[in-house]
Amino acid sequence: MNPDAWRRIAAWLVDWLCFLAWLGLVAAVGIPLYLAGVTGDGSVVTMNVVSALVTAVPLTTFLAVLEAGPRQASIGKRVAGLRVVGARDGRRLSFGAALVRNALKVAVPWTIGHAAAIGLVVSPTVGPGLVALTAAAYVLPIAYVVTLFAGAGRTPYDRAAGARVVRS
């Protein structure tokens, strides 16, 4: 079992508190625009693209910049005494590797969850595609948490990026 699994979860919760500040700003701008009738073409595709561009993309990029930066850690990881390093050499991740890591950790599950939520709200019927999307929105994050506690505690997104999380 990974001794730092709970530390990583605590770091993620701190990062989510930071995300809430961004989401509050997005809501403060987006809700009045929506209420004023500025909704684009109103299609599900447009809603999903706009959602990804104002939430998942900036948050993923923010985390990648921090993890590829001199401190090699998000705000939550700094608080928890952790940093992200290359799995083979223990050196700082490149921005590209940090972006892959955070795209798989944040953007993919976030976008799947938003697509499922939007689909459930606007779809007159719930078909098998929407059921599969909703299931994926739950299964993916659960699988990530489970892998924190298994073996060396390297999640699929750590492995894909050639990264590992270590104590500072």
C-alpha atoms as a PDB file:
ATOM      1  CA  MET A   1       0.000   0.000   0.000  1.00  0.00           C
ATOM      2  CA  ASN A   2       1.184   3.492  -0.844  1.00  0.00           C
ATOM      3  CA  PRO A   3       1.989   5.401   2.370  1.00  0.00           C
ATOM      4  CA  ASP A   4       1.327   8.747   0.666  1.00  0.00           C
ATOM      5  CA  ALA A   5      -2.135   7.920  -0.733  1.00  0.00           C
ATOM      6  CA  TRP A   6      -3.985   9.900   1.933  1.00  0.00           C
ATOM      7  CA  ARG A   7      -1.504  12.742   1.600  1.00  0.00           C
ATOM      8  CA  ARG A   8      -2.217  12.870  -2.144  1.00  0.00           C
ATOM      9  CA  ILE A   9      -5.964  12.904  -1.527  1.00  0.00           C
ATOM     10  CA  ALA A  10      -5.531  15.770   0.968  1.00  0.00           C
ATOM     11  CA  ALA A  11      -3.459  17.651  -1.624  1.00  0.00           C
ATOM     12  CA  TRP A  12      -6.181  17.123  -4.216  1.00  0.00           C
ATOM     13  CA  LEU A  13      -8.809  18.504  -1.821  1.00  0.00           C
ATOM     14  CA  VAL A  14      -6.726  21.650  -1.279  1.00  0.00           C
ATOM     15  CA  ASP A  15      -6.388  22.014  -5.054  1.00  0.00           C
ATOM     16  CA  TRP A  16     -10.175  21.694  -5.350  1.00  0.00           C
ATOM     17  CA  LEU A  17     -10.600  24.592  -2.928  1.00  0.00           C
ATOM     18  CA  CYS A  18      -8.449  26.637  -5.304  1.00  0.00           C
ATOM     19  CA  PHE A  19     -10.521  25.425  -8.257  1.00  0.00           C
ATOM     20  CA  LEU A  20     -13.662  26.621  -6.506  1.00  0.00           C
ATOM     21  CA  ALA A  21     -12.322  30.182  -6.615  1.00  0.00           C
ATOM     22  CA  TRP A  22     -11.992  29.919 -10.418  1.00  0.00           C
ATOM     23  CA  LEU A  23     -15.399  28.289 -10.752  1.00  0.00           C
ATOM     24  CA  GLY A  24     -16.916  31.072  -8.648  1.00  0.00           C
ATOM     25  CA  LEU A  25     -15.471  33.649 -11.043  1.00  0.00           C
ATOM     26  CA  VAL A  26     -16.720  31.693 -14.063  1.00  0.00           C
ATOM     27  CA  ALA A  27     -20.190  31.463 -12.492  1.00  0.00           C
ATOM     28  CA  ALA A  28     -20.190  35.182 -11.618  1.00  0.00           C
ATOM     29  CA  VAL A  29     -19.656  35.971 -15.292  1.00  0.00           C
ATOM     30  CA  GLY A  30     -21.471  33.042 -16.902  1.00  0.00           C
ATOM     31  CA  ILE A  31     -24.761  33.050 -14.998  1.00  0.00           C
ATOM     32  CA  PRO A  32     -25.625  36.689 -15.808  1.00  0.00           C
ATOM     33  CA  LEU A  33     -24.720  36.053 -19.458  1.00  0.00           C
ATOM     34  CA  TYR A  34     -26.926  32.955 -19.522  1.00  0.00           C
ATOM     35  CA  LEU A  35     -29.811  34.827 -17.864  1.00  0.00           C
ATOM     36  CA  ALA A  36     -29.400  37.632 -20.408  1.00  0.00           C
ATOM     37  CA  GLY A  37     -29.907  35.089 -23.189  1.00  0.00           C
ATOM     38  CA  VAL A  38     -26.300  34.816 -24.367  1.00  0.00           C
ATOM     39  CA  THR A  39     -26.205  31.076 -24.983  1.00  0.00           C
ATOM     40  CA  GLY A  40     -24.698  30.708 -28.441  1.00  0.00           C
ATOM     41  CA  ASP A  41     -26.613  28.254 -30.579  1.00  0.00           C
ATOM     42  CA  GLY A  42     -27.769  26.321 -27.496  1.00  0.00           C
ATOM     43  CA  SER A  43     -26.537  22.987 -28.856  1.00  0.00           C
ATOM     44  CA  VAL A  44     -25.171  20.284 -26.588  1.00  0.00           C
ATOM     45  CA  VAL A  45     -21.876  20.361 -28.477  1.00  0.00           C
ATOM     46  CA  THR A  46     -21.509  24.121 -27.960  1.00  0.00           C
ATOM     47  CA  MET A  47     -22.343  23.810 -24.263  1.00  0.00           C
ATOM     48  CA  ASN A  48     -19.732  21.070 -23.827  1.00  0.00           C
ATOM     49  CA  VAL A  49     -17.034  22.948 -25.753  1.00  0.00           C
ATOM     50  CA  VAL A  50     -17.616  26.196 -23.842  1.00  0.00           C
ATOM     51  CA  SER A  51     -17.698  24.292 -20.555  1.00  0.00           C
ATOM     52  CA  ALA A  52     -14.357  22.624 -21.323  1.00  0.00           C
ATOM     53  CA  LEU A  53     -12.749  25.873 -22.496  1.00  0.00           C
ATOM     54  CA  VAL A  54     -13.666  27.869 -19.384  1.00  0.00           C
ATOM     55  CA  THR A  55     -13.173  25.138 -16.760  1.00  0.00           C
ATOM     56  CA  ALA A  56     -11.116  22.063 -17.680  1.00  0.00           C
ATOM     57  CA  VAL A  57      -8.584  23.744 -19.983  1.00  0.00           C
ATOM     58  CA  PRO A  58      -7.517  26.576 -17.635  1.00  0.00           C
ATOM     59  CA  LEU A  59      -7.394  24.320 -14.561  1.00  0.00           C
ATOM     60  CA  THR A  60      -5.412  21.628 -16.380  1.00  0.00           C
ATOM     61  CA  THR A  61      -2.980  24.198 -17.745  1.00  0.00           C
ATOM     62  CA  PHE A  62      -2.609  25.843 -14.313  1.00  0.00           C
ATOM     63  CA  LEU A  63      -1.715  22.524 -12.679  1.00  0.00           C
ATOM     64  CA  ALA A  64       0.723  21.646 -15.475  1.00  0.00           C
ATOM     65  CA  VAL A  65       2.514  24.996 -15.137  1.00  0.00           C
ATOM     66  CA  LEU A  66       2.888  24.480 -11.374  1.00  0.00           C
ATOM     67  CA  GLU A  67       4.034  20.856 -11.615  1.00  0.00           C
ATOM     68  CA  ALA A  68       6.553  21.648 -14.379  1.00  0.00           C
ATOM     69  CA  GLY A  69       7.723  24.732 -12.490  1.00  0.00           C
ATOM     70  CA  PRO A  70      10.546  25.137  -9.992  1.00  0.00           C
ATOM     71  CA  ARG A  71       8.521  23.828  -7.028  1.00  0.00           C
ATOM     72  CA  GLN A  72       7.227  20.838  -9.029  1.00  0.00           C
ATOM     73  CA  ALA A  73       3.938  20.902  -7.155  1.00  0.00           C
ATOM     74  CA  SER A  74       0.405  22.214  -7.227  1.00  0.00           C
ATOM     75  CA  ILE A  75      -0.721  24.347  -4.296  1.00  0.00           C
ATOM     76  CA  GLY A  76      -2.243  21.280  -2.650  1.00  0.00           C
ATOM     77  CA  LYS A  77       0.920  19.239  -3.103  1.00  0.00           C
ATOM     78  CA  ARG A  78       2.990  22.039  -1.564  1.00  0.00           C
ATOM     79  CA  VAL A  79       0.660  22.090   1.450  1.00  0.00           C
ATOM     80  CA  ALA A  80       0.884  18.277   1.733  1.00  0.00           C
ATOM     81  CA  GLY A  81       4.664  18.216   1.327  1.00  0.00           C
ATOM     82  CA  LEU A  82       4.661  16.479  -2.058  1.00  0.00           C
ATOM     83  CA  ARG A  83       6.122  17.128  -5.486  1.00  0.00           C
ATOM     84  CA  VAL A  84       5.926  15.555  -8.938  1.00  0.00           C
ATOM     85  CA  VAL A  85       9.089  14.163 -10.533  1.00  0.00           C
ATOM     86  CA  GLY A  86      10.057  12.087 -13.537  1.00  0.00           C
ATOM     87  CA  ALA A  87       9.682   8.398 -12.735  1.00  0.00           C
ATOM     88  CA  ARG A  88      13.008   7.400 -14.285  1.00  0.00           C
ATOM     89  CA  ASP A  89      15.336  10.215 -13.315  1.00  0.00           C
ATOM     90  CA  GLY A  90      13.616  12.021 -10.424  1.00  0.00           C
ATOM     91  CA  ARG A  91      14.000  15.324 -12.253  1.00  0.00           C
ATOM     92  CA  ARG A  92      11.437  17.985 -12.985  1.00  0.00           C
ATOM     93  CA  LEU A  93       8.724  17.041 -15.470  1.00  0.00           C
ATOM     94  CA  SER A  94       8.617  18.840 -18.775  1.00  0.00           C
ATOM     95  CA  PHE A  95       5.579  21.024 -19.340  1.00  0.00           C
ATOM     96  CA  GLY A  96       4.367  18.518 -21.950  1.00  0.00           C
ATOM     97  CA  ALA A  97       4.547  15.590 -19.510  1.00  0.00           C
ATOM     98  CA  ALA A  98       2.849  17.652 -16.794  1.00  0.00           C
ATOM     99  CA  LEU A  99       0.144  18.635 -19.275  1.00  0.00           C
ATOM    100  CA  VAL A 100      -0.483  14.990 -20.229  1.00  0.00           C
ATOM    101  CA  ARG A 101      -0.613  14.046 -16.538  1.00  0.00           C
ATOM    102  CA  ASN A 102      -3.142  16.733 -15.686  1.00  0.00           C
ATOM    103  CA  ALA A 103      -5.186  16.312 -18.858  1.00  0.00           C
ATOM    104  CA  LEU A 104      -5.766  12.679 -17.893  1.00  0.00           C
ATOM    105  CA  LYS A 105      -6.257  13.534 -14.211  1.00  0.00           C
ATOM    106  CA  VAL A 106      -8.488  16.603 -14.596  1.00  0.00           C
ATOM    107  CA  ALA A 107      -9.635  17.418 -18.124  1.00  0.00           C
ATOM    108  CA  VAL A 108     -10.743  13.958 -19.246  1.00  0.00           C
ATOM    109  CA  PRO A 109     -12.871  13.043 -16.185  1.00  0.00           C
ATOM    110  CA  TRP A 110     -14.151  16.618 -15.874  1.00  0.00           C
ATOM    111  CA  THR A 111     -15.218  16.772 -19.507  1.00  0.00           C
ATOM    112  CA  ILE A 112     -16.831  13.332 -19.367  1.00  0.00           C
ATOM    113  CA  GLY A 113     -18.722  14.367 -16.213  1.00  0.00           C
ATOM    114  CA  HIS A 114     -19.883  17.633 -17.753  1.00  0.00           C
ATOM    115  CA  ALA A 115     -20.945  15.924 -20.968  1.00  0.00           C
ATOM    116  CA  ALA A 116     -22.950  13.398 -18.945  1.00  0.00           C
ATOM    117  CA  ALA A 117     -24.553  16.105 -16.799  1.00  0.00           C
ATOM    118  CA  ILE A 118     -25.451  18.269 -19.783  1.00  0.00           C
ATOM    119  CA  GLY A 119     -26.785  15.231 -21.638  1.00  0.00           C
ATOM    120  CA  LEU A 120     -28.929  14.211 -18.687  1.00  0.00           C
ATOM    121  CA  VAL A 121     -30.382  17.720 -18.432  1.00  0.00           C
ATOM    122  CA  VAL A 122     -31.128  18.349 -22.102  1.00  0.00           C
ATOM    123  CA  SER A 123     -31.825  14.876 -23.468  1.00  0.00           C
ATOM    124  CA  PRO A 124     -35.475  13.850 -23.665  1.00  0.00           C
ATOM    125  CA  THR A 125     -34.451  10.192 -23.329  1.00  0.00           C
ATOM    126  CA  VAL A 126     -31.576   8.414 -21.662  1.00  0.00           C
ATOM    127  CA  GLY A 127     -30.047   6.089 -24.223  1.00  0.00           C
ATOM    128  CA  PRO A 128     -27.193   3.603 -23.864  1.00  0.00           C
ATOM    129  CA  GLY A 129     -24.592   6.186 -24.912  1.00  0.00           C
ATOM    130  CA  LEU A 130     -25.610   8.542 -22.138  1.00  0.00           C
ATOM    131  CA  VAL A 131     -25.660   5.687 -19.626  1.00  0.00           C
ATOM    132  CA  ALA A 132     -22.122   4.702 -20.681  1.00  0.00           C
ATOM    133  CA  LEU A 133     -20.936   8.314 -20.417  1.00  0.00           C
ATOM    134  CA  THR A 134     -22.454   8.659 -16.954  1.00  0.00           C
ATOM    135  CA  ALA A 135     -20.893   5.364 -15.838  1.00  0.00           C
ATOM    136  CA  ALA A 136     -17.484   6.507 -17.127  1.00  0.00           C
ATOM    137  CA  ALA A 137     -17.868   9.773 -15.196  1.00  0.00           C
ATOM    138  CA  TYR A 138     -17.995   7.719 -11.988  1.00  0.00           C
ATOM    139  CA  VAL A 139     -15.736   4.778 -12.818  1.00  0.00           C
ATOM    140  CA  LEU A 140     -12.706   6.797 -13.968  1.00  0.00           C
ATOM    141  CA  PRO A 141     -12.202   8.860 -10.782  1.00  0.00           C
ATOM    142  CA  ILE A 142     -12.915   5.812  -8.621  1.00  0.00           C
ATOM    143  CA  ALA A 143     -10.282   3.842 -10.546  1.00  0.00           C
ATOM    144  CA  TYR A 144      -7.799   6.676 -10.026  1.00  0.00           C
ATOM    145  CA  VAL A 145      -8.385   6.647  -6.262  1.00  0.00           C
ATOM    146  CA  VAL A 146      -8.115   2.856  -6.085  1.00  0.00           C
ATOM    147  CA  THR A 147      -4.754   2.942  -7.889  1.00  0.00           C
ATOM    148  CA  LEU A 148      -3.432   5.391  -5.280  1.00  0.00           C
ATOM    149  CA  PHE A 149      -3.691   2.627  -2.700  1.00  0.00           C
ATOM    150  CA  ALA A 150      -2.507  -0.255  -4.898  1.00  0.00           C
ATOM    151  CA  GLY A 151       1.128  -1.241  -5.341  1.00  0.00           C
ATOM    152  CA  ALA A 152       3.455   1.729  -5.704  1.00  0.00           C
ATOM    153  CA  GLY A 153       0.519   4.146  -5.797  1.00  0.00           C
ATOM    154  CA  ARG A 154       1.205   5.336  -9.331  1.00  0.00           C
ATOM    155  CA  THR A 155      -2.052   6.224 -11.029  1.00  0.00           C
ATOM    156  CA  PRO A 156      -2.670   5.680 -14.755  1.00  0.00           C
ATOM    157  CA  TYR A 157      -2.068   9.396 -15.358  1.00  0.00           C
ATOM    158  CA  ASP A 158       1.271   9.201 -13.485  1.00  0.00           C
ATOM    159  CA  ARG A 159       2.317   6.239 -15.630  1.00  0.00           C
ATOM    160  CA  ALA A 160       1.196   7.874 -18.885  1.00  0.00           C
ATOM    161  CA  ALA A 161       3.237  10.976 -18.095  1.00  0.00           C
ATOM    162  CA  GLY A 162       6.281   9.076 -16.805  1.00  0.00           C
ATOM    163  CA  ALA A 163       5.813  10.705 -13.401  1.00  0.00           C
ATOM    164  CA  ARG A 164       5.704   9.822  -9.742  1.00  0.00           C
ATOM    165  CA  VAL A 165       4.741  11.810  -6.691  1.00  0.00           C
ATOM    166  CA  VAL A 166       7.277  11.953  -3.866  1.00  0.00           C
ATOM    167  CA  ARG A 167       7.634  13.729  -0.552  1.00  0.00           C
ATOM    168  CA  SER A 168       9.372  17.092  -0.708  1.00  0.00           C
END
